[in-house]
């Protein structure tokens, strides 16, 4: 680790504490025109390296898009206690979901009212949602459910940040309201 810190100090001109802040938040650094490192959000479609577990756990927004490319998208989500992602289907988008923190129930089905797969999910669970599959995840725990999801292709506009589920739903109904 000492060699990494020395390299970071020399290359990015940041001190040990700044590097630890970036590491602890799961962020990444990038040089801007002033050669000053900064923590960034949606890096797509540029190459990107992140500690996804820390970025997911440190996210307090319902949805934050971290990387958007032409064929893939990464978002992190925080689902409050007793709430859910919301029953949805993506006709042309495959989805991968990984739980980093919390406990919930995953529901998958071929129709809005027919779940053929319902299973508890918890830290380290992975859920694969093929395009056209109705799905929902309900937070059954006593802490926010923290997860990240990969969409293929992208499902949200680049840089999307929804502080709450209500904002996300309102934006889906009318993308021009905010």
Protein backbone atom coordinates (compact mmCIF):
# COMPACT_ATOMS: atom_id res chain seq x y z
CA UNK A 1 0.00 0.00 0.00
CA UNK A 2 2.87 2.39 0.74
CA UNK A 3 4.07 2.19 -2.88
CA UNK A 4 0.55 2.93 -4.12
CA UNK A 5 0.29 5.95 -1.81
CA UNK A 6 3.66 7.26 -3.00
CA UNK A 7 2.62 6.82 -6.66
CA UNK A 8 -0.71 8.58 -6.02
CA UNK A 9 1.02 11.44 -4.21
CA UNK A 10 3.48 11.94 -7.06
CA UNK A 11 1.18 11.40 -10.03
CA UNK A 12 -1.99 13.13 -8.84
CA UNK A 13 -0.38 15.55 -6.40
CA UNK A 14 -2.74 14.50 -3.61
CA UNK A 15 -1.94 13.74 -0.03
CA UNK A 16 -2.52 10.55 1.91
CA UNK A 17 -5.78 11.79 3.49
CA UNK A 18 -7.25 12.85 0.13
CA UNK A 19 -6.43 9.44 -1.31
CA UNK A 20 -8.04 7.70 1.67
CA UNK A 21 -11.16 9.87 1.27
CA UNK A 22 -11.45 8.79 -2.36
CA UNK A 23 -10.84 5.15 -1.42
CA UNK A 24 -13.27 5.19 1.50
CA UNK A 25 -16.10 6.69 -0.55
CA UNK A 26 -15.58 4.25 -3.42
CA UNK A 27 -14.82 7.19 -5.68
CA UNK A 28 -12.36 7.61 -8.46
CA UNK A 29 -10.00 10.40 -9.35
CA UNK A 30 -9.50 12.13 -12.63
CA UNK A 31 -7.33 15.02 -13.65
CA UNK A 32 -9.17 18.11 -14.84
CA UNK A 33 -7.57 20.97 -16.78
CA UNK A 34 -6.05 22.36 -13.60
CA UNK A 35 -4.42 18.97 -12.84
CA UNK A 36 -6.47 18.76 -9.65
CA UNK A 37 -8.00 15.38 -8.78
CA UNK A 38 -11.72 15.24 -8.24
CA UNK A 39 -14.24 12.63 -7.21
CA UNK A 40 -16.59 11.98 -10.13
CA UNK A 41 -20.01 10.42 -10.68
CA UNK A 42 -20.99 9.17 -14.16
CA UNK A 43 -17.75 8.38 -15.96
CA UNK A 44 -19.19 6.69 -19.02
CA UNK A 45 -18.20 5.97 -21.63
CA UNK A 46 -14.62 6.53 -20.42
CA UNK A 47 -12.58 3.73 -18.85
CA UNK A 48 -13.39 3.59 -15.15
CA UNK A 49 -12.18 1.81 -12.02
CA UNK A 50 -14.10 1.91 -8.74
CA UNK A 51 -14.50 0.03 -5.48
CA UNK A 52 -18.10 -0.90 -6.27
CA UNK A 53 -18.88 -2.27 -2.80
CA UNK A 54 -17.88 0.98 -1.08
CA UNK A 55 -19.56 3.16 -3.70
CA UNK A 56 -22.77 1.15 -3.27
CA UNK A 57 -22.78 1.21 0.52
CA UNK A 58 -21.92 4.94 0.62
CA UNK A 59 -24.75 5.86 -1.77
CA UNK A 60 -27.77 7.36 -0.01
CA UNK A 61 -29.77 8.19 -3.15
CA UNK A 62 -32.52 5.95 -4.42
CA UNK A 63 -30.56 5.79 -7.69
CA UNK A 64 -27.20 7.17 -8.79
CA UNK A 65 -25.80 6.40 -12.22
CA UNK A 66 -22.04 5.84 -12.05
CA UNK A 67 -21.22 4.76 -15.61
CA UNK A 68 -23.17 4.95 -18.84
CA UNK A 69 -21.93 3.60 -22.14
CA UNK A 70 -23.61 2.75 -25.42
CA UNK A 71 -24.17 -0.91 -24.43
CA UNK A 72 -24.00 -1.00 -20.62
CA UNK A 73 -24.87 1.06 -17.53
CA UNK A 74 -23.99 0.87 -13.83
CA UNK A 75 -26.19 2.37 -11.12
CA UNK A 76 -26.14 2.13 -7.35
CA UNK A 77 -29.33 2.17 -5.31
CA UNK A 78 -30.45 2.60 -1.71
CA UNK A 79 -33.91 1.23 -0.89
CA UNK A 80 -35.29 2.48 2.45
CA UNK A 81 -36.63 0.10 5.09
CA UNK A 82 -40.06 -1.27 4.11
CA UNK A 83 -39.87 0.08 0.55
CA UNK A 84 -39.13 -1.57 -2.78
CA UNK A 85 -37.57 -0.91 -6.15
CA UNK A 86 -41.03 -0.93 -7.70
CA UNK A 87 -42.54 -3.56 -9.94
CA UNK A 88 -41.17 -3.05 -13.45
CA UNK A 89 -40.27 -4.71 -16.73
CA UNK A 90 -37.63 -3.76 -19.30
CA UNK A 91 -38.70 -5.20 -22.67
CA UNK A 92 -35.27 -4.80 -24.31
CA UNK A 93 -32.86 -4.59 -21.38
CA UNK A 94 -31.14 -7.38 -19.46
CA UNK A 95 -30.33 -6.54 -15.84
CA UNK A 96 -27.87 -7.80 -13.23
CA UNK A 97 -28.47 -6.85 -9.58
CA UNK A 98 -26.10 -7.48 -6.66
CA UNK A 99 -27.00 -6.88 -3.03
CA UNK A 100 -24.17 -5.31 -1.01
CA UNK A 101 -26.04 -4.67 2.24
CA UNK A 102 -29.39 -5.56 3.71
CA UNK A 103 -32.08 -8.19 3.32
CA UNK A 104 -35.07 -8.41 1.04
CA UNK A 105 -37.34 -10.44 -1.20
CA UNK A 106 -36.76 -10.75 -4.93
CA UNK A 107 -39.78 -11.34 -7.15
CA UNK A 108 -39.55 -12.34 -10.83
CA UNK A 109 -42.30 -13.31 -13.22
CA UNK A 110 -43.59 -13.48 -16.75
CA UNK A 111 -46.60 -11.27 -15.97
CA UNK A 112 -47.25 -8.30 -13.71
CA UNK A 113 -49.31 -10.46 -11.35
CA UNK A 114 -47.52 -13.80 -11.72
CA UNK A 115 -44.20 -14.31 -9.95
CA UNK A 116 -42.78 -17.74 -10.67
CA UNK A 117 -39.64 -17.01 -8.66
CA UNK A 118 -39.72 -15.40 -5.22
CA UNK A 119 -36.63 -15.74 -3.10
CA UNK A 120 -34.98 -14.00 -0.14
CA UNK A 121 -31.90 -11.96 -1.05
CA UNK A 122 -29.17 -10.64 1.18
CA UNK A 123 -25.57 -9.44 1.09
CA UNK A 124 -23.69 -11.03 -1.85
CA UNK A 125 -26.87 -12.21 -3.62
CA UNK A 126 -26.90 -11.78 -7.41
CA UNK A 127 -30.11 -11.54 -9.40
CA UNK A 128 -30.24 -11.96 -13.18
CA UNK A 129 -33.27 -10.40 -14.85
CA UNK A 130 -33.69 -11.25 -18.55
CA UNK A 131 -35.34 -8.65 -20.79
CA UNK A 132 -39.12 -8.89 -20.60
CA UNK A 133 -39.20 -10.25 -17.03
CA UNK A 134 -41.34 -8.48 -14.44
CA UNK A 135 -39.31 -7.91 -11.27
CA UNK A 136 -39.23 -6.20 -7.90
CA UNK A 137 -37.09 -6.27 -4.78
CA UNK A 138 -38.65 -5.42 -1.41
CA UNK A 139 -36.51 -4.33 1.54
CA UNK A 140 -37.52 -6.57 4.46
CA UNK A 141 -34.63 -5.59 6.74
CA UNK A 142 -34.12 -2.87 9.32
CA UNK A 143 -31.45 -0.96 7.34
CA UNK A 144 -31.45 0.48 3.83
CA UNK A 145 -31.03 -2.17 1.15
CA UNK A 146 -27.90 -1.24 -0.82
CA UNK A 147 -27.43 -2.70 -4.27
CA UNK A 148 -25.88 -2.05 -7.62
CA UNK A 149 -27.37 -2.91 -10.96
CA UNK A 150 -25.96 -3.28 -14.43
CA UNK A 151 -28.25 -2.67 -17.39
CA UNK A 152 -27.45 -3.88 -20.90
CA UNK A 153 -28.08 -1.67 -22.80
CA UNK A 154 -28.33 1.51 -20.68
CA UNK A 155 -31.74 2.15 -19.15
CA UNK A 156 -31.44 5.69 -17.71
CA UNK A 157 -30.05 8.96 -19.08
CA UNK A 158 -26.33 9.50 -18.41
CA UNK A 159 -25.75 11.13 -15.03
CA UNK A 160 -29.18 10.23 -13.61
CA UNK A 161 -29.49 10.87 -9.89
CA UNK A 162 -32.84 10.26 -8.17
CA UNK A 163 -32.76 11.24 -4.51
CA UNK A 164 -35.97 9.30 -3.81
CA UNK A 165 -38.21 6.72 -5.47
CA UNK A 166 -40.97 9.35 -5.74
CA UNK A 167 -38.66 11.57 -7.80
CA UNK A 168 -37.67 8.61 -9.98
CA UNK A 169 -41.31 7.71 -10.65
CA UNK A 170 -42.21 11.33 -11.41
CA UNK A 171 -39.28 11.59 -13.86
CA UNK A 172 -40.35 8.38 -15.60
CA UNK A 173 -43.87 9.77 -16.05
CA UNK A 174 -42.61 13.16 -17.25
CA UNK A 175 -38.85 13.46 -17.93
CA UNK A 176 -39.09 17.27 -18.29
CA UNK A 177 -40.43 18.08 -14.79
CA UNK A 178 -37.11 18.62 -13.01
